[in-house]
Amino acid sequence: MSDQKLKEEGIVIDALPDTKFKVKLNDGREVLAYLAGKMRMNHIKVIIGDKVTLELSPDGTKGRIIYRR
């Protein structure tokens, strides 16, 4: 088993309550993602249309937004 997280890029298509977002990945899948703790601490705002980098869960249905472009 690898300790590497699966990193993907996508575009935010919907903002949900509690700092969760629906993100469309470059391969066409849609995943539910939440904001990483460091992004919350530094007050990084994410809005619809932003390009983001995610760390995906092993099953590929959930993710954590770690970077906004």
N, C-alpha and C. Protein backbone atom coordinates (compact mmCIF):
# COMPACT_ATOMS: atom_id res chain seq x y z
N MET A 1 0.81 -1.19 0.00
CA MET A 1 0.00 0.00 0.00
C MET A 1 0.85 1.24 0.00
N SER A 2 0.41 2.23 -0.73
CA SER A 2 1.15 3.48 -0.84
C SER A 2 0.54 4.54 0.07
N ASP A 3 1.39 5.40 0.64
CA ASP A 3 0.90 6.49 1.46
C ASP A 3 0.56 7.72 0.62
N GLN A 4 0.79 7.63 -0.68
CA GLN A 4 0.47 8.75 -1.56
C GLN A 4 -1.04 8.92 -1.67
N LYS A 5 -1.49 10.17 -1.57
CA LYS A 5 -2.90 10.47 -1.78
C LYS A 5 -3.12 10.64 -3.28
N LEU A 6 -4.32 10.31 -3.73
CA LEU A 6 -4.67 10.53 -5.13
C LEU A 6 -4.98 12.00 -5.31
N LYS A 7 -4.24 12.68 -6.16
CA LYS A 7 -4.47 14.10 -6.41
C LYS A 7 -5.12 14.27 -7.77
N GLU A 8 -6.16 15.06 -7.80
CA GLU A 8 -6.90 15.35 -9.03
C GLU A 8 -7.17 16.84 -9.10
N GLU A 9 -7.43 17.33 -10.29
CA GLU A 9 -7.82 18.72 -10.47
C GLU A 9 -9.24 18.77 -11.00
N GLY A 10 -9.95 19.84 -10.64
CA GLY A 10 -11.32 19.99 -11.10
C GLY A 10 -11.80 21.41 -10.93
N ILE A 11 -13.09 21.61 -11.22
CA ILE A 11 -13.72 22.92 -11.14
C ILE A 11 -14.89 22.84 -10.19
N VAL A 12 -15.01 23.82 -9.30
CA VAL A 12 -16.12 23.88 -8.35
C VAL A 12 -17.39 24.22 -9.12
N ILE A 13 -18.43 23.37 -8.98
CA ILE A 13 -19.68 23.62 -9.69
C ILE A 13 -20.82 23.98 -8.76
N ASP A 14 -20.66 23.75 -7.45
CA ASP A 14 -21.72 24.09 -6.51
C ASP A 14 -21.13 24.28 -5.12
N ALA A 15 -21.65 25.26 -4.39
CA ALA A 15 -21.25 25.50 -3.01
C ALA A 15 -22.38 25.03 -2.11
N LEU A 16 -22.06 24.16 -1.16
CA LEU A 16 -23.04 23.58 -0.25
C LEU A 16 -22.81 24.11 1.15
N PRO A 17 -23.75 23.90 2.06
CA PRO A 17 -23.56 24.37 3.44
C PRO A 17 -22.35 23.71 4.11
N ASP A 18 -21.84 24.37 5.14
CA ASP A 18 -20.76 23.83 5.97
C ASP A 18 -19.45 23.67 5.18
N THR A 19 -19.14 24.63 4.35
CA THR A 19 -17.91 24.67 3.53
C THR A 19 -17.66 23.38 2.76
N LYS A 20 -18.71 22.82 2.20
CA LYS A 20 -18.58 21.67 1.31
C LYS A 20 -18.89 22.13 -0.10
N PHE A 21 -18.29 21.45 -1.07
CA PHE A 21 -18.42 21.85 -2.46
C PHE A 21 -18.60 20.63 -3.33
N LYS A 22 -19.32 20.80 -4.43
CA LYS A 22 -19.41 19.77 -5.45
C LYS A 22 -18.40 20.16 -6.53
N VAL A 23 -17.51 19.23 -6.86
CA VAL A 23 -16.42 19.51 -7.79
C VAL A 23 -16.51 18.54 -8.96
N LYS A 24 -16.40 19.08 -10.18
CA LYS A 24 -16.36 18.24 -11.38
C LYS A 24 -14.90 18.05 -11.76
N LEU A 25 -14.45 16.81 -11.74
CA LEU A 25 -13.05 16.49 -12.06
C LEU A 25 -12.82 16.56 -13.56
N ASN A 26 -11.57 16.60 -13.95
CA ASN A 26 -11.22 16.69 -15.37
C ASN A 26 -11.67 15.47 -16.16
N ASP A 27 -11.83 14.32 -15.49
CA ASP A 27 -12.28 13.12 -16.20
C ASP A 27 -13.81 13.00 -16.24
N GLY A 28 -14.53 14.01 -15.72
CA GLY A 28 -15.99 14.03 -15.82
C GLY A 28 -16.74 13.60 -14.57
N ARG A 29 -16.05 13.00 -13.61
CA ARG A 29 -16.72 12.58 -12.37
C ARG A 29 -17.04 13.78 -11.50
N GLU A 30 -18.08 13.65 -10.67
CA GLU A 30 -18.42 14.68 -9.69
C GLU A 30 -18.20 14.11 -8.30
N VAL A 31 -17.52 14.86 -7.44
CA VAL A 31 -17.24 14.41 -6.08
C VAL A 31 -17.64 15.50 -5.09
N LEU A 32 -17.90 15.07 -3.86
CA LEU A 32 -18.18 15.99 -2.77
C LEU A 32 -16.86 16.27 -2.05
N ALA A 33 -16.54 17.55 -1.87
CA ALA A 33 -15.25 17.91 -1.28
C ALA A 33 -15.45 18.94 -0.18
N TYR A 34 -14.54 18.89 0.80
CA TYR A 34 -14.55 19.89 1.87
C TYR A 34 -13.23 20.64 1.86
N LEU A 35 -13.21 21.77 2.55
CA LEU A 35 -12.04 22.63 2.58
C LEU A 35 -11.01 22.10 3.59
N ALA A 36 -9.75 22.06 3.20
CA ALA A 36 -8.68 21.63 4.11
C ALA A 36 -8.55 22.62 5.26
N GLY A 37 -8.07 22.15 6.40
CA GLY A 37 -7.95 22.97 7.59
C GLY A 37 -7.08 24.20 7.41
N LYS A 38 -5.96 24.06 6.70
CA LYS A 38 -5.07 25.21 6.50
C LYS A 38 -5.73 26.27 5.63
N MET A 39 -6.59 25.85 4.70
CA MET A 39 -7.29 26.84 3.88
C MET A 39 -8.32 27.59 4.73
N ARG A 40 -8.94 26.89 5.67
CA ARG A 40 -9.89 27.56 6.58
C ARG A 40 -9.15 28.53 7.48
N MET A 41 -8.02 28.11 8.04
CA MET A 41 -7.26 28.95 8.96
C MET A 41 -6.76 30.23 8.29
N ASN A 42 -6.41 30.13 7.01
CA ASN A 42 -5.90 31.29 6.28
C ASN A 42 -6.99 32.04 5.52
N HIS A 43 -8.24 31.70 5.78
CA HIS A 43 -9.40 32.39 5.20
C HIS A 43 -9.37 32.43 3.67
N ILE A 44 -9.00 31.30 3.06
CA ILE A 44 -9.01 31.20 1.60
C ILE A 44 -10.45 30.97 1.16
N LYS A 45 -10.96 31.83 0.30
CA LYS A 45 -12.33 31.73 -0.17
C LYS A 45 -12.36 30.92 -1.47
N VAL A 46 -13.31 30.01 -1.57
CA VAL A 46 -13.51 29.22 -2.78
C VAL A 46 -14.91 29.52 -3.28
N ILE A 47 -15.03 29.86 -4.56
CA ILE A 47 -16.33 30.17 -5.13
C ILE A 47 -16.57 29.30 -6.36
N ILE A 48 -17.80 29.30 -6.85
CA ILE A 48 -18.15 28.51 -8.03
C ILE A 48 -17.32 28.98 -9.22
N GLY A 49 -16.75 28.02 -9.94
CA GLY A 49 -15.92 28.33 -11.10
C GLY A 49 -14.43 28.27 -10.82
N ASP A 50 -14.03 28.20 -9.55
CA ASP A 50 -12.61 28.12 -9.21
C ASP A 50 -12.03 26.77 -9.62
N LYS A 51 -10.79 26.79 -10.11
CA LYS A 51 -10.07 25.55 -10.37
C LYS A 51 -9.36 25.17 -9.08
N VAL A 52 -9.51 23.92 -8.66
CA VAL A 52 -8.96 23.47 -7.39
C VAL A 52 -8.22 22.15 -7.58
N THR A 53 -7.33 21.86 -6.62
CA THR A 53 -6.64 20.57 -6.54
C THR A 53 -7.19 19.84 -5.33
N LEU A 54 -7.52 18.56 -5.52
CA LEU A 54 -8.12 17.74 -4.47
C LEU A 54 -7.23 16.58 -4.11
N GLU A 55 -7.35 16.13 -2.86
CA GLU A 55 -6.85 14.82 -2.46
C GLU A 55 -8.09 13.94 -2.35
N LEU A 56 -8.13 12.86 -3.10
CA LEU A 56 -9.30 12.00 -3.12
C LEU A 56 -9.20 10.86 -2.13
N SER A 57 -10.36 10.42 -1.65
CA SER A 57 -10.43 9.23 -0.80
C SER A 57 -10.16 8.01 -1.67
N PRO A 58 -9.83 6.87 -1.05
CA PRO A 58 -9.53 5.67 -1.85
C PRO A 58 -10.68 5.22 -2.75
N ASP A 59 -11.94 5.45 -2.32
CA ASP A 59 -13.05 5.04 -3.18
C ASP A 59 -13.38 6.08 -4.25
N GLY A 60 -12.80 7.27 -4.15
CA GLY A 60 -12.95 8.27 -5.20
C GLY A 60 -14.25 9.05 -5.19
N THR A 61 -15.02 8.99 -4.10
CA THR A 61 -16.29 9.71 -4.07
C THR A 61 -16.23 10.99 -3.24
N LYS A 62 -15.22 11.11 -2.39
CA LYS A 62 -15.07 12.28 -1.52
C LYS A 62 -13.66 12.82 -1.66
N GLY A 63 -13.50 14.10 -1.33
CA GLY A 63 -12.18 14.69 -1.44
C GLY A 63 -12.01 15.88 -0.52
N ARG A 64 -10.76 16.32 -0.42
CA ARG A 64 -10.40 17.49 0.38
C ARG A 64 -9.73 18.49 -0.56
N ILE A 65 -10.23 19.73 -0.56
CA ILE A 65 -9.65 20.78 -1.40
C ILE A 65 -8.38 21.28 -0.72
N ILE A 66 -7.24 21.12 -1.40
CA ILE A 66 -5.97 21.51 -0.79
C ILE A 66 -5.33 22.72 -1.46
N TYR A 67 -5.83 23.11 -2.64
CA TYR A 67 -5.21 24.23 -3.35
C TYR A 67 -6.23 24.86 -4.29
N ARG A 68 -6.25 26.19 -4.34
CA ARG A 68 -7.12 26.91 -5.27
C ARG A 68 -6.25 27.66 -6.26
N ARG A 69 -6.56 27.54 -7.54
CA ARG A 69 -5.77 28.22 -8.58
C ARG A 69 -6.42 29.51 -8.99
